Amino acid sequence: MAKSTITNGQDGAGVRSALNTMFSDLYGGRHPGYIAGNWYMPMYSSSATGIALPIDSIRCLPFVLLQPVTITNLGLRVTTGAAGNIKCAIYANNAATGRPTGAALASTANMSSASAAMVSAAIAETSVTLQPGIYWQCVWVDTNNAIVCRTQTAAVGMTPQLIGSATEATINNATTSSIFTIACAKTYGAWPNMTSESFTEATGTANATLHFKAG
């Protein structure tokens, strides 16, 4: 197997490429590869009924890609419909903070949340190729805090492992209220650049588990 190395003076793009190759060398064999036209759940996602999503709050969950994938559509399942809209996005991870950063890498426009159903939309960017690594799946509802989606189950311990917290009890709680998501307070509108945003740790499961379509 070819090995990738990082050398002194290597530019940023070269370092990122080398790190992606190393990540794929270590973990790539654990996924058979994404097939164009198929829908997938992000790695380390698991479904539960969930609770209502709060308005003016972007809810984000981390996930891991073990193989490169080109994404064309994002979606989720609304389990309790309510008049209004919901939309999805994927953000890069800031390795220094362990939180979302930059502009959305892939994002949808408004999708109706009126009915309990699968909802999905093509991403505004047409198609986006993501390399192996950690990313954030984010959801946002507009004016109705009664919308419920399929969400991360409390039985999965991977989410606290990826999110991390400065408070030990938040990570290893004796109840199911351990950290499951992070939230960014934001009035519904255009997807923001997350670089300077502030995040709070949320201990409920008021977030949605996305699925994506490979291109």
Protein backbone atom coordinates (compact mmCIF):
# COMPACT_ATOMS: atom_id res chain seq x y z
CA MET A 1 0.00 0.00 0.00
CA ALA A 2 1.33 3.44 -0.92
CA LYS A 3 2.13 5.60 2.08
CA SER A 4 1.59 9.34 2.31
CA THR A 5 3.98 11.62 4.19
CA ILE A 6 4.02 15.21 5.41
CA THR A 7 7.25 17.12 4.84
CA ASN A 8 8.68 20.31 6.28
CA GLY A 9 7.55 23.31 4.21
CA GLN A 10 4.69 21.46 2.52
CA ASP A 11 1.84 23.79 1.61
CA GLY A 12 -1.60 23.59 3.22
CA ALA A 13 -3.26 21.83 0.29
CA GLY A 14 -0.52 19.21 0.28
CA VAL A 15 -0.87 18.61 4.01
CA ARG A 16 -4.64 18.22 3.73
CA SER A 17 -4.23 15.79 0.85
CA ALA A 18 -1.68 13.75 2.79
CA LEU A 19 -3.87 13.64 5.88
CA ASN A 20 -6.87 12.53 3.82
CA THR A 21 -4.78 9.74 2.31
CA MET A 22 -3.57 8.65 5.74
CA PHE A 23 -7.14 8.63 7.04
CA SER A 24 -8.27 6.53 4.09
CA ASP A 25 -5.33 4.13 4.56
CA LEU A 26 -6.30 3.63 8.19
CA TYR A 27 -10.08 3.42 7.89
CA GLY A 28 -11.03 3.22 4.23
CA GLY A 29 -11.30 -0.57 4.21
CA ARG A 30 -14.21 -0.39 6.63
CA HIS A 31 -16.60 0.91 3.99
CA PRO A 32 -17.11 -0.71 0.57
CA GLY A 33 -17.44 2.62 -1.22
CA TYR A 34 -20.40 4.78 -2.20
CA ILE A 35 -22.44 3.84 -5.27
CA ALA A 36 -23.75 6.69 -7.44
CA GLY A 37 -27.52 7.00 -7.18
CA ASN A 38 -27.75 5.34 -3.75
CA TRP A 39 -28.85 7.04 -0.56
CA TYR A 40 -26.74 6.61 2.59
CA MET A 41 -26.87 7.46 6.27
CA PRO A 42 -23.72 9.19 7.55
CA MET A 43 -21.37 6.89 9.43
CA TYR A 44 -22.17 6.77 13.16
CA SER A 45 -25.77 7.86 12.69
CA SER A 46 -28.63 5.91 14.21
CA SER A 47 -32.34 6.62 14.14
CA ALA A 48 -34.75 7.31 16.96
CA THR A 49 -38.08 9.13 17.09
CA GLY A 50 -36.63 12.40 18.37
CA ILE A 51 -38.17 15.49 19.92
CA ALA A 52 -39.32 18.76 18.43
CA LEU A 53 -36.68 20.94 16.81
CA PRO A 54 -36.42 24.45 18.29
CA ILE A 55 -36.72 27.43 15.97
CA ASP A 56 -33.83 29.86 15.44
CA SER A 57 -31.34 27.13 16.32
CA ILE A 58 -29.06 25.28 13.92
CA ARG A 59 -28.59 21.75 15.29
CA CYS A 60 -25.41 19.93 14.29
CA LEU A 61 -24.20 16.34 14.59
CA PRO A 62 -20.71 15.07 13.71
CA PHE A 63 -20.18 12.15 11.39
CA VAL A 64 -17.29 10.34 9.76
CA LEU A 65 -16.67 9.60 6.09
CA LEU A 66 -14.39 6.63 5.50
CA GLN A 67 -14.33 6.88 1.70
CA PRO A 68 -14.53 9.83 -0.72
CA VAL A 69 -18.08 10.56 -1.85
CA THR A 70 -19.75 12.99 -4.24
CA ILE A 71 -23.02 14.26 -2.76
CA THR A 72 -25.89 15.56 -4.87
CA ASN A 73 -28.91 15.54 -2.50
CA LEU A 74 -29.62 15.77 1.22
CA GLY A 75 -32.71 14.62 3.06
CA LEU A 76 -34.27 13.49 6.33
CA ARG A 77 -37.46 11.95 7.65
CA VAL A 78 -40.12 14.16 9.23
CA THR A 79 -42.00 12.06 11.80
CA THR A 80 -44.36 14.77 13.07
CA GLY A 81 -45.29 17.30 10.43
CA ALA A 82 -46.06 20.95 11.09
CA ALA A 83 -46.52 23.92 8.78
CA GLY A 84 -43.21 25.48 7.88
CA ASN A 85 -39.87 24.61 6.37
CA ILE A 86 -36.72 22.70 7.17
CA LYS A 87 -33.36 22.60 5.44
CA CYS A 88 -30.08 20.71 5.70
CA ALA A 89 -26.39 21.38 5.32
CA ILE A 90 -22.99 19.78 5.77
CA TYR A 91 -20.05 21.70 7.25
CA ALA A 92 -16.34 21.00 7.62
CA ASN A 93 -14.83 20.30 11.02
CA ASN A 94 -12.33 22.64 12.67
CA ALA A 95 -9.67 20.30 14.04
CA ALA A 96 -8.53 22.93 16.56
CA THR A 97 -11.96 23.41 18.14
CA GLY A 98 -13.85 20.24 17.22
CA ARG A 99 -16.72 22.35 15.93
CA PRO A 100 -18.20 23.27 12.49
CA THR A 101 -16.32 25.86 10.50
CA GLY A 102 -16.47 27.85 7.29
CA ALA A 103 -19.28 28.14 4.77
CA ALA A 104 -21.62 25.22 4.17
CA LEU A 105 -20.02 22.61 1.92
CA ALA A 106 -23.39 21.26 0.77
CA SER A 107 -26.79 22.77 1.52
CA THR A 108 -30.44 22.61 0.52
CA ALA A 109 -33.02 25.32 0.16
CA ASN A 110 -36.34 25.13 2.02
CA MET A 111 -38.15 21.80 2.18
CA SER A 112 -41.73 21.60 3.40
CA SER A 113 -42.15 20.10 6.86
CA ALA A 114 -45.96 20.03 6.68
CA SER A 115 -46.34 16.25 6.51
CA ALA A 116 -44.78 13.24 8.15
CA ALA A 117 -42.70 11.97 5.23
CA MET A 118 -39.26 11.60 3.73
CA VAL A 119 -38.15 14.99 2.44
CA SER A 120 -35.11 15.68 0.29
CA ALA A 121 -33.72 18.20 -2.16
CA ALA A 122 -30.82 18.69 -4.52
CA ILE A 123 -28.02 20.68 -2.97
CA ALA A 124 -27.49 24.27 -4.09
CA GLU A 125 -23.90 23.42 -5.05
CA THR A 126 -25.13 20.78 -7.60
CA SER A 127 -22.54 18.23 -6.46
CA VAL A 128 -19.81 18.27 -3.82
CA THR A 129 -17.02 15.73 -3.37
CA LEU A 130 -15.99 15.16 0.24
CA GLN A 131 -12.80 13.39 1.24
CA PRO A 132 -12.53 11.02 4.23
CA GLY A 133 -12.70 12.85 7.53
CA ILE A 134 -15.05 14.34 10.10
CA TYR A 135 -17.95 16.56 9.03
CA TRP A 136 -21.06 18.06 10.60
CA GLN A 137 -24.65 17.42 9.50
CA CYS A 138 -26.84 20.42 10.34
CA VAL A 139 -30.58 21.07 10.28
CA TRP A 140 -32.60 24.28 10.66
CA VAL A 141 -36.34 24.91 10.98
CA ASP A 142 -38.03 28.25 10.39
CA THR A 143 -41.16 29.27 12.28
CA ASN A 144 -42.64 26.15 13.87
CA ASN A 145 -41.15 24.40 16.88
CA ALA A 146 -43.50 21.41 16.60
CA ILE A 147 -41.52 19.69 13.81
CA VAL A 148 -40.08 16.31 14.81
CA CYS A 149 -37.61 14.31 12.72
CA ARG A 150 -35.89 10.96 12.96
CA THR A 151 -32.86 11.69 15.07
CA GLN A 152 -29.76 10.33 16.74
CA THR A 153 -30.62 7.63 19.25
CA ALA A 154 -29.49 8.07 22.83
CA ALA A 155 -28.13 4.52 22.80
CA VAL A 156 -25.24 5.43 20.49
CA GLY A 157 -22.12 6.55 22.34
CA MET A 158 -20.19 7.75 19.29
CA THR A 159 -21.69 11.24 19.28
CA PRO A 160 -20.27 12.29 22.69
CA GLN A 161 -16.97 10.74 21.63
CA LEU A 162 -16.77 12.97 18.56
CA ILE A 163 -18.23 16.17 20.04
CA GLY A 164 -16.30 16.32 23.30
CA SER A 165 -16.96 18.68 26.19
CA ALA A 166 -14.97 20.67 28.74
CA THR A 167 -17.38 19.31 31.37
CA GLU A 168 -16.73 15.68 32.31
CA ALA A 169 -20.27 15.04 33.56
CA THR A 170 -21.66 16.13 30.22
CA ILE A 171 -19.81 13.33 28.46
CA ASN A 172 -20.34 10.55 31.01
CA ASN A 173 -23.78 11.22 32.42
CA ALA A 174 -25.72 8.67 34.44
CA THR A 175 -28.85 9.39 32.38
CA THR A 176 -29.67 9.70 28.68
CA SER A 177 -29.15 13.46 28.89
CA SER A 178 -25.47 13.24 27.89
CA ILE A 179 -24.37 15.55 25.08
CA PHE A 180 -25.81 14.51 21.72
CA THR A 181 -25.68 17.63 19.60
CA ILE A 182 -24.43 21.19 19.48
CA ALA A 183 -26.54 24.22 18.71
CA CYS A 184 -25.90 27.58 17.09
CA ALA A 185 -28.48 30.29 17.86
CA LYS A 186 -29.39 31.87 14.53
CA THR A 187 -32.48 33.49 13.03
CA TYR A 188 -33.64 31.41 10.07
CA GLY A 189 -32.17 32.60 6.79
CA ALA A 190 -29.11 31.96 4.62
CA TRP A 191 -26.71 29.30 5.85
CA PRO A 192 -24.02 31.18 7.80
CA ASN A 193 -20.26 30.95 7.79
CA MET A 194 -19.62 29.03 11.01
CA THR A 195 -16.04 30.19 11.58
CA SER A 196 -16.96 32.85 14.16
CA GLU A 197 -20.20 31.35 15.46
CA SER A 198 -20.68 30.30 19.08
CA PHE A 199 -21.98 26.84 19.93
CA THR A 200 -23.73 25.44 22.95
CA GLU A 201 -23.91 21.80 23.97
CA ALA A 202 -27.40 20.34 23.85
CA THR A 203 -28.27 17.30 25.95
CA GLY A 204 -31.52 16.38 24.27
CA THR A 205 -31.93 14.73 20.90
CA ALA A 206 -33.57 17.69 19.18
CA ASN A 207 -31.58 17.20 16.03
CA ALA A 208 -32.17 15.27 12.84
CA THR A 209 -30.21 12.46 11.24
CA LEU A 210 -29.58 13.30 7.61
CA HIS A 211 -29.16 10.99 4.67
CA PHE A 212 -27.34 11.85 1.46
CA LYS A 213 -27.38 10.71 -2.13
CA ALA A 214 -24.12 9.74 -3.81
CA GLY A 215 -23.48 11.25 -7.21
